Each structure stands twice: as C-alpha cells, then as structure tokens.
Amino acid sequence: MPPPLSAIPALPPSLAPPPPPAYGRPTYASRRDPQWEYIPQPYVSPKLAPVAFQRNGMLLLAQILAIVQGLLALVAGVDVIRLDIGLGGLFTGFTAFGGVDGQIIASGVVVLIIGTLVVTAAILSGRGSQLARWLLAGWQFIAGLTILAALTGYGLSLGLVPLLVVGGASGVVFAPLYGVLLVQAFIIYGLVIHPATNQAFAG
C-alpha cells in the first residue's frame, strides 16, 4: 500500500518545478510608474542648408558681356595714358586736349578704375550680390545716356573729359556707338529686368 501524500516530503525550493506560465491579458505598468512618465523635450528646429544662388543663362551672358566690357576699358585706359604721353612728347606746351594740366592722363586713370570696378561688379553679380548688381546696372544706364547724348549732338555740352571717360570705359574705341548701346541695354536687361534673374536675387 503506497504511503499517503502527506507523508511524502516536499521538495526544496531550488528543486521545485517552475510555476506554469500565466495566460490571458498581460499586465501593463501603471501610468504612474516613473519609468513610463512622459518628460517633454525642447523642440529643436532642423538646420536648413542655405539655398545656393542660381544663375540663369541671361544673367550669365550679361555677366560675360560686362566682364569683356571692363577688360576693354582697361585696354582703353592704357591707350589714353599712352596718348597723353605721346602727344606731350610730340608737341611742346601741348594744350589741345588738356595735356599740360594732366586731364587726359587723369581720364585714362579714371577709365582704368572704372574698368576694374566693372569687372569686379560683374563677377560679384554672378555670385548673388545685390549691391554689385545695381551698381553695374546704374553705370550701364548712365553710360548709355551719355552715348545717346553724343549721338544726338548734345555730347559736347557735357565736356570732352566726360565723353572720353565714358567712351573709353564703355568700349567705344573697339565698337560702333550703336553696338555699344545694344550691349549696354542687354546687360541692363539681364541684370534687373529678366524675370528669372529677379527671382534668383529674390530667393
């Protein structure tokens, strides 16, 4: 006859079998549990990369024309200075164009400065500089009005030195007046009138 169950000694806890798994709805941690507490974090906006300036074809062409114009102005400025030196050496007391008091050589220096500024402004305009863009367009407008005055017969009222400076800086020495006016109008259009250019500078 087997012994009763109460007489069988109980197993120690280390040898006792594991309890059966509990089935049914799982238990979740209480909302008051600190590990489940929501701690608001400060909002950090993502850093957006700056939008690169987008040049269009019209702006690029106007920029190239302005650079060529400025380089021709540098050549013209050197020629004007050489003209003053040459005439001063040929004629003693040369005064026909103001050679004695240095007006012609001063005009050549001014043409050199303008040519340098035009090249610099053209390069900076292609990189998105608003100041360089409007300065270059303003110079083209003033030079165009001066050439128009010379074509209509009112140029002599401005004086020889302004005509010499504007003509030399605009490339009149290397191209006809109407061709220079056309280039200036195209540069102004490409810099301040073309819709794609205005959109690029606005963005």
Protein backbone atom coordinates (compact mmCIF):
# COMPACT_ATOMS: atom_id res chain seq x y z
CA MET A 1 0.00 0.00 0.00
CA PRO A 2 1.56 3.35 -1.08
CA PRO A 3 2.22 5.95 1.59
CA PRO A 4 -0.22 8.84 1.83
CA LEU A 5 0.62 12.11 0.00
CA SER A 6 1.02 13.93 3.27
CA ALA A 7 3.81 11.56 4.20
CA ILE A 8 5.86 12.39 1.06
CA PRO A 9 8.44 15.04 1.95
CA ALA A 10 8.20 18.31 -0.02
CA LEU A 11 11.00 19.21 -2.44
CA PRO A 12 13.25 22.11 -1.50
CA PRO A 13 12.54 25.40 -3.36
CA SER A 14 15.65 25.03 -5.51
CA LEU A 15 14.41 21.74 -6.90
CA ALA A 16 10.77 22.68 -7.18
CA PRO A 17 9.48 22.91 -10.81
CA PRO A 18 8.81 26.42 -12.17
CA PRO A 19 5.27 27.66 -11.97
CA PRO A 20 3.24 27.35 -15.16
CA PRO A 21 3.09 30.46 -17.41
CA ALA A 22 0.18 32.75 -16.83
CA TYR A 23 -2.09 33.07 -19.83
CA GLY A 24 -4.65 35.74 -20.52
CA ARG A 25 -4.49 39.54 -20.67
CA PRO A 26 -0.98 40.84 -20.00
CA THR A 27 -0.46 43.28 -17.22
CA TYR A 28 0.88 46.74 -18.08
CA ALA A 29 2.84 49.09 -15.91
CA SER A 30 0.82 51.71 -14.17
CA ARG A 31 0.71 55.14 -15.74
CA ARG A 32 2.05 56.49 -12.51
CA ASP A 33 5.17 54.38 -12.88
CA PRO A 34 8.12 56.84 -13.12
CA GLN A 35 9.75 54.85 -15.92
CA TRP A 36 6.67 55.41 -18.10
CA GLU A 37 6.32 59.08 -17.26
CA TYR A 38 6.49 61.45 -20.29
CA ILE A 39 9.03 64.20 -19.93
CA PRO A 40 8.56 66.94 -22.55
CA GLN A 41 11.70 67.75 -24.52
CA PRO A 42 12.53 71.17 -26.01
CA TYR A 43 11.83 71.41 -29.75
CA VAL A 44 14.93 71.89 -31.83
CA SER A 45 14.25 73.04 -35.38
CA PRO A 46 16.38 71.32 -38.01
CA LYS A 47 19.10 73.40 -39.61
CA LEU A 48 18.29 74.00 -43.23
CA ALA A 49 21.15 74.28 -45.67
CA PRO A 50 21.36 77.70 -47.37
CA VAL A 51 20.00 77.75 -50.90
CA ALA A 52 22.75 78.33 -53.43
CA PHE A 53 22.36 81.26 -55.81
CA GLN A 54 21.05 80.00 -59.15
CA ARG A 55 22.35 81.81 -62.23
CA ASN A 56 20.29 81.68 -65.39
CA GLY A 57 21.52 81.88 -68.94
CA MET A 58 20.55 85.52 -69.43
CA LEU A 59 22.35 86.63 -66.27
CA LEU A 60 25.42 84.61 -67.24
CA LEU A 61 25.53 86.20 -70.69
CA ALA A 62 25.11 89.70 -69.24
CA GLN A 63 27.88 88.93 -66.77
CA ILE A 64 30.23 87.80 -69.55
CA LEU A 65 29.48 90.90 -71.64
CA ALA A 66 30.16 93.16 -68.65
CA ILE A 67 33.47 91.41 -67.93
CA VAL A 68 34.54 91.80 -71.56
CA GLN A 69 33.48 95.45 -71.44
CA GLY A 70 35.56 96.01 -68.30
CA LEU A 71 38.62 94.35 -69.82
CA LEU A 72 38.31 96.52 -72.93
CA ALA A 73 38.07 99.55 -70.64
CA LEU A 74 41.38 98.56 -69.07
CA VAL A 75 42.99 98.43 -72.50
CA ALA A 76 41.39 101.77 -73.44
CA GLY A 77 42.64 103.37 -70.22
CA VAL A 78 46.20 102.35 -71.00
CA ASP A 79 45.81 103.68 -74.56
CA VAL A 80 44.52 107.04 -73.28
CA ILE A 81 47.50 107.37 -70.94
CA ARG A 82 49.88 106.48 -73.77
CA LEU A 83 48.13 109.03 -76.00
CA ASP A 84 48.70 111.78 -73.45
CA ILE A 85 52.34 110.85 -73.06
CA GLY A 86 52.84 110.63 -76.83
CA LEU A 87 51.16 113.95 -77.61
CA GLY A 88 53.02 115.64 -74.78
CA GLY A 89 56.29 114.42 -76.27
CA LEU A 90 55.42 115.49 -79.81
CA PHE A 91 54.15 118.99 -79.06
CA THR A 92 55.88 121.30 -76.63
CA GLY A 93 53.29 123.04 -74.50
CA PHE A 94 50.60 120.62 -75.67
CA THR A 95 47.23 122.08 -74.62
CA ALA A 96 44.75 120.97 -77.28
CA PHE A 97 43.22 118.28 -75.08
CA GLY A 98 44.43 119.48 -71.73
CA GLY A 99 47.65 117.52 -71.83
CA VAL A 100 49.64 120.09 -69.89
CA ASP A 101 47.47 120.01 -66.79
CA GLY A 102 47.10 116.24 -66.97
CA GLN A 103 43.42 115.98 -67.90
CA ILE A 104 43.96 113.28 -70.50
CA ILE A 105 46.21 111.15 -68.30
CA ALA A 106 43.76 111.63 -65.44
CA SER A 107 40.96 110.49 -67.74
CA GLY A 108 42.97 107.37 -68.57
CA VAL A 109 43.40 106.60 -64.88
CA VAL A 110 39.67 107.03 -64.29
CA VAL A 111 38.93 104.68 -67.20
CA LEU A 112 41.26 102.10 -65.64
CA ILE A 113 39.46 102.40 -62.30
CA ILE A 114 36.04 102.09 -63.92
CA GLY A 115 37.15 99.05 -65.92
CA THR A 116 38.39 97.37 -62.74
CA LEU A 117 35.13 98.13 -60.92
CA VAL A 118 33.04 96.86 -63.84
CA VAL A 119 34.89 93.53 -63.91
CA THR A 120 34.60 93.18 -60.13
CA ALA A 121 30.89 94.07 -60.10
CA ALA A 122 30.19 91.64 -62.95
CA ILE A 123 31.86 88.78 -61.07
CA LEU A 124 30.07 89.59 -57.80
CA SER A 125 26.71 89.91 -59.57
CA GLY A 126 27.06 86.33 -60.75
CA ARG A 127 27.50 85.31 -57.11
CA GLY A 128 24.29 86.97 -55.90
CA SER A 129 25.49 90.41 -54.75
CA GLN A 130 22.60 92.88 -54.90
CA LEU A 131 24.89 95.89 -54.42
CA ALA A 132 27.18 94.90 -57.29
CA ARG A 133 24.17 94.14 -59.48
CA TRP A 134 22.58 97.58 -59.06
CA LEU A 135 25.88 99.46 -59.27
CA LEU A 136 26.73 97.74 -62.54
CA ALA A 137 23.25 98.36 -63.96
CA GLY A 138 23.39 102.02 -62.85
CA TRP A 139 26.72 102.53 -64.58
CA GLN A 140 25.41 100.99 -67.78
CA PHE A 141 22.38 103.29 -67.66
CA ILE A 142 24.45 106.46 -67.11
CA ALA A 143 26.96 105.49 -69.79
CA GLY A 144 24.12 104.72 -72.22
CA LEU A 145 22.54 108.14 -71.66
CA THR A 146 25.92 109.80 -72.24
CA ILE A 147 26.42 107.94 -75.52
CA LEU A 148 22.88 108.82 -76.62
CA ALA A 149 23.67 112.47 -75.90
CA ALA A 150 26.79 112.18 -78.07
CA LEU A 151 24.75 110.63 -80.90
CA THR A 152 22.13 113.36 -80.79
CA GLY A 153 24.68 116.18 -80.81
CA TYR A 154 24.38 117.19 -77.16
CA GLY A 155 27.51 115.36 -76.08
CA LEU A 156 29.82 118.36 -76.46
CA SER A 157 27.82 120.19 -73.82
CA LEU A 158 29.00 117.58 -71.31
CA GLY A 159 32.65 118.33 -71.98
CA LEU A 160 35.44 116.36 -73.60
CA VAL A 161 36.70 114.65 -70.46
CA PRO A 162 33.34 113.00 -69.53
CA LEU A 163 32.92 111.82 -73.11
CA LEU A 164 36.47 110.46 -73.12
CA VAL A 165 35.92 108.64 -69.82
CA VAL A 166 32.52 107.20 -70.70
CA GLY A 167 33.56 106.29 -74.23
CA GLY A 168 36.76 104.62 -73.10
CA ALA A 169 35.07 102.74 -70.25
CA SER A 170 32.20 101.61 -72.50
CA GLY A 171 34.38 100.20 -75.26
CA VAL A 172 33.54 102.82 -77.90
CA VAL A 173 37.13 102.61 -79.10
CA PHE A 174 36.59 98.98 -80.15
CA ALA A 175 32.95 99.01 -81.35
CA PRO A 176 30.47 101.40 -83.00
CA LEU A 177 28.24 103.52 -80.78
CA TYR A 178 25.07 101.63 -81.68
CA GLY A 179 26.74 98.32 -80.90
CA VAL A 180 27.87 99.63 -77.50
CA LEU A 181 24.32 100.83 -76.77
CA LEU A 182 22.94 97.41 -77.68
CA VAL A 183 25.41 95.68 -75.34
CA GLN A 184 24.56 98.07 -72.51
CA ALA A 185 20.83 97.53 -73.00
CA PHE A 186 21.33 93.77 -72.96
CA ILE A 187 23.39 93.95 -69.74
CA ILE A 188 20.69 96.04 -68.04
CA TYR A 189 18.00 93.60 -69.16
CA GLY A 190 19.95 90.59 -67.93
CA LEU A 191 20.69 92.21 -64.57
CA VAL A 192 17.44 93.88 -63.50
CA ILE A 193 14.59 93.14 -65.94
CA HIS A 194 14.78 89.45 -66.81
CA PRO A 195 12.15 87.59 -64.66
CA ALA A 196 14.41 84.63 -63.88
CA THR A 197 17.15 86.99 -62.64
CA ASN A 198 14.75 88.85 -60.33
CA GLN A 199 13.51 85.53 -58.97
CA ALA A 200 17.05 84.34 -58.33
CA PHE A 201 18.01 87.51 -56.43
CA ALA A 202 14.70 87.48 -54.50
CA GLY A 203 15.29 83.91 -53.32
